[in-house]
Amino acid sequence: MIAIPITAFLLVGVVLFAIGLYAILAQRSAVMILMGVELLLNAVGLNIVTFWRFVSPRDYSGQIFTIIIVTIGTIEMAVGLGIMMLLYRRRQTVQVDDYENLRG
C-alpha cells in the first residue's frame, strides 16, 4: 500500500479553499456564493481530518468536529436556499447586486 503524504491532502484542501473564496468574491449569483461557502467548509473539514489522521489517529475529536462542520454546512445551505427563494419571489432575480436595498 502506497502512503499518501500529508502535503497532498493539504494541497487539495488549499485548492478547495481558494476555489470557494473565488466563488464568494467574484460571483454575482447568490447560488454560486452559497456553493463557495460550502466549498470553504469542505476544505476546512478535509484539513481537520488530515491533521487528525496524521497527528492523533486514536483520538476521534477530528472526525466529530468534521461531522459538526458538515451539519452546519447543510443547515446553512437549507436556510440560504430558503431565503433566496423568498427573495426571488419578491424581486424575480438571484443576482446579489440587485439586493442592495431590501426594504419593502
C-alpha atoms as a PDB file:
ATOM      1  CA  MET A   1       0.000   0.000   0.000  1.00  0.00           C
ATOM      2  CA  ILE A   2       1.357   3.391  -1.002  1.00  0.00           C
ATOM      3  CA  ALA A   3       1.279   6.043   1.725  1.00  0.00           C
ATOM      4  CA  ILE A   4      -0.007   9.424   0.595  1.00  0.00           C
ATOM      5  CA  PRO A   5       1.901  12.287   2.251  1.00  0.00           C
ATOM      6  CA  ILE A   6       0.177  14.928   4.324  1.00  0.00           C
ATOM      7  CA  THR A   7       1.126  17.641   1.845  1.00  0.00           C
ATOM      8  CA  ALA A   8      -1.071  16.068  -0.843  1.00  0.00           C
ATOM      9  CA  PHE A   9      -4.145  16.274   1.384  1.00  0.00           C
ATOM     10  CA  LEU A  10      -3.308  19.814   2.476  1.00  0.00           C
ATOM     11  CA  LEU A  11      -2.761  20.875  -1.137  1.00  0.00           C
ATOM     12  CA  VAL A  12      -6.220  19.607  -2.085  1.00  0.00           C
ATOM     13  CA  GLY A  13      -7.662  21.488   0.900  1.00  0.00           C
ATOM     14  CA  VAL A  14      -5.919  24.708  -0.120  1.00  0.00           C
ATOM     15  CA  VAL A  15      -7.153  24.379  -3.705  1.00  0.00           C
ATOM     16  CA  LEU A  16     -10.739  23.802  -2.495  1.00  0.00           C
ATOM     17  CA  PHE A  17     -10.470  26.789  -0.164  1.00  0.00           C
ATOM     18  CA  ALA A  18      -9.124  29.011  -2.959  1.00  0.00           C
ATOM     19  CA  ILE A  19     -11.904  27.977  -5.344  1.00  0.00           C
ATOM     20  CA  GLY A  20     -14.505  28.641  -2.657  1.00  0.00           C
ATOM     21  CA  LEU A  21     -13.025  32.030  -1.836  1.00  0.00           C
ATOM     22  CA  TYR A  22     -13.001  32.959  -5.523  1.00  0.00           C
ATOM     23  CA  ALA A  23     -16.631  31.858  -5.846  1.00  0.00           C
ATOM     24  CA  ILE A  24     -17.622  34.071  -2.915  1.00  0.00           C
ATOM     25  CA  LEU A  25     -15.716  37.145  -4.077  1.00  0.00           C
ATOM     26  CA  ALA A  26     -16.191  37.016  -7.843  1.00  0.00           C
ATOM     27  CA  GLN A  27     -19.687  35.644  -8.415  1.00  0.00           C
ATOM     28  CA  ARG A  28     -22.836  37.715  -8.551  1.00  0.00           C
ATOM     29  CA  SER A  29     -25.333  34.887  -8.214  1.00  0.00           C
ATOM     30  CA  ALA A  30     -26.481  34.055  -4.695  1.00  0.00           C
ATOM     31  CA  VAL A  31     -26.476  30.333  -5.501  1.00  0.00           C
ATOM     32  CA  MET A  32     -22.824  30.447  -6.522  1.00  0.00           C
ATOM     33  CA  ILE A  33     -21.941  32.339  -3.343  1.00  0.00           C
ATOM     34  CA  LEU A  34     -23.615  29.631  -1.271  1.00  0.00           C
ATOM     35  CA  MET A  35     -21.699  26.988  -3.213  1.00  0.00           C
ATOM     36  CA  GLY A  36     -18.480  28.875  -2.462  1.00  0.00           C
ATOM     37  CA  VAL A  37     -19.269  28.874   1.249  1.00  0.00           C
ATOM     38  CA  GLU A  38     -19.907  25.129   1.038  1.00  0.00           C
ATOM     39  CA  LEU A  39     -16.515  24.625  -0.623  1.00  0.00           C
ATOM     40  CA  LEU A  40     -14.852  26.614   2.164  1.00  0.00           C
ATOM     41  CA  LEU A  41     -16.481  24.422   4.799  1.00  0.00           C
ATOM     42  CA  ASN A  42     -15.489  21.244   2.952  1.00  0.00           C
ATOM     43  CA  ALA A  43     -11.881  22.428   2.669  1.00  0.00           C
ATOM     44  CA  VAL A  44     -11.771  23.093   6.404  1.00  0.00           C
ATOM     45  CA  GLY A  45     -13.263  19.665   7.084  1.00  0.00           C
ATOM     46  CA  LEU A  46     -10.689  17.986   4.845  1.00  0.00           C
ATOM     47  CA  ASN A  47      -7.835  19.742   6.637  1.00  0.00           C
ATOM     48  CA  ILE A  48      -9.210  18.779  10.045  1.00  0.00           C
ATOM     49  CA  VAL A  49      -9.493  15.123   9.045  1.00  0.00           C
ATOM     50  CA  THR A  50      -5.988  15.264   7.545  1.00  0.00           C
ATOM     51  CA  PHE A  51      -4.435  16.605  10.721  1.00  0.00           C
ATOM     52  CA  TRP A  52      -6.440  14.121  12.777  1.00  0.00           C
ATOM     53  CA  ARG A  53      -5.159  11.233  10.654  1.00  0.00           C
ATOM     54  CA  PHE A  54      -1.508  12.243  10.787  1.00  0.00           C
ATOM     55  CA  VAL A  55      -1.269  13.701  14.301  1.00  0.00           C
ATOM     56  CA  SER A  56      -3.518  11.631  16.587  1.00  0.00           C
ATOM     57  CA  PRO A  57      -5.379   8.842  14.778  1.00  0.00           C
ATOM     58  CA  ARG A  58      -6.581   7.226  18.028  1.00  0.00           C
ATOM     59  CA  ASP A  59      -8.474  10.339  19.107  1.00  0.00           C
ATOM     60  CA  TYR A  60     -11.833  10.796  17.355  1.00  0.00           C
ATOM     61  CA  SER A  61     -12.277  14.510  18.046  1.00  0.00           C
ATOM     62  CA  GLY A  62     -11.256  15.427  14.474  1.00  0.00           C
ATOM     63  CA  GLN A  63     -13.949  13.242  12.966  1.00  0.00           C
ATOM     64  CA  ILE A  64     -16.589  14.517  15.371  1.00  0.00           C
ATOM     65  CA  PHE A  65     -15.674  18.130  14.622  1.00  0.00           C
ATOM     66  CA  THR A  66     -15.861  17.421  10.877  1.00  0.00           C
ATOM     67  CA  ILE A  67     -19.327  15.903  11.268  1.00  0.00           C
ATOM     68  CA  ILE A  68     -20.378  19.080  13.086  1.00  0.00           C
ATOM     69  CA  ILE A  69     -18.952  21.204  10.234  1.00  0.00           C
ATOM     70  CA  VAL A  70     -20.835  19.167   7.620  1.00  0.00           C
ATOM     71  CA  THR A  71     -24.042  19.508   9.657  1.00  0.00           C
ATOM     72  CA  ILE A  72     -23.598  23.279   9.922  1.00  0.00           C
ATOM     73  CA  GLY A  73     -22.964  23.438   6.164  1.00  0.00           C
ATOM     74  CA  THR A  74     -26.167  21.528   5.483  1.00  0.00           C
ATOM     75  CA  ILE A  75     -28.193  23.813   7.723  1.00  0.00           C
ATOM     76  CA  GLU A  76     -26.569  26.870   6.159  1.00  0.00           C
ATOM     77  CA  MET A  77     -27.431  25.657   2.673  1.00  0.00           C
ATOM     78  CA  ALA A  78     -31.058  24.928   3.579  1.00  0.00           C
ATOM     79  CA  VAL A  79     -31.583  28.308   5.256  1.00  0.00           C
ATOM     80  CA  GLY A  80     -29.744  30.152   2.473  1.00  0.00           C
ATOM     81  CA  LEU A  81     -31.792  28.496  -0.262  1.00  0.00           C
ATOM     82  CA  GLY A  82     -34.985  29.271   1.650  1.00  0.00           C
ATOM     83  CA  ILE A  83     -34.034  32.940   1.915  1.00  0.00           C
ATOM     84  CA  MET A  84     -33.079  33.030  -1.764  1.00  0.00           C
ATOM     85  CA  MET A  85     -36.419  31.515  -2.778  1.00  0.00           C
ATOM     86  CA  LEU A  86     -38.222  34.179  -0.735  1.00  0.00           C
ATOM     87  CA  LEU A  87     -36.124  36.960  -2.294  1.00  0.00           C
ATOM     88  CA  TYR A  88     -36.649  35.539  -5.781  1.00  0.00           C
ATOM     89  CA  ARG A  89     -40.416  35.566  -5.319  1.00  0.00           C
ATOM     90  CA  ARG A  90     -40.299  39.236  -4.325  1.00  0.00           C
ATOM     91  CA  ARG A  91     -37.606  40.567  -6.714  1.00  0.00           C
ATOM     92  CA  GLN A  92     -37.602  37.997  -9.581  1.00  0.00           C
ATOM     93  CA  THR A  93     -33.787  37.782  -9.574  1.00  0.00           C
ATOM     94  CA  VAL A  94     -30.996  35.911  -7.781  1.00  0.00           C
ATOM     95  CA  GLN A  95     -28.297  38.467  -8.581  1.00  0.00           C
ATOM     96  CA  VAL A  96     -26.724  39.800  -5.385  1.00  0.00           C
ATOM     97  CA  ASP A  97     -26.222  43.297  -6.807  1.00  0.00           C
ATOM     98  CA  ASP A  98     -29.992  43.734  -7.079  1.00  0.00           C
ATOM     99  CA  TYR A  99     -30.487  43.133  -3.348  1.00  0.00           C
ATOM    100  CA  GLU A 100     -28.739  46.262  -2.104  1.00  0.00           C
ATOM    101  CA  ASN A 101     -32.000  47.745  -0.847  1.00  0.00           C
ATOM    102  CA  LEU A 102     -34.054  45.080   0.908  1.00  0.00           C
ATOM    103  CA  ARG A 103     -36.766  47.340   2.347  1.00  0.00           C
ATOM    104  CA  GLY A 104     -40.375  46.625   1.456  1.00  0.00           C
END
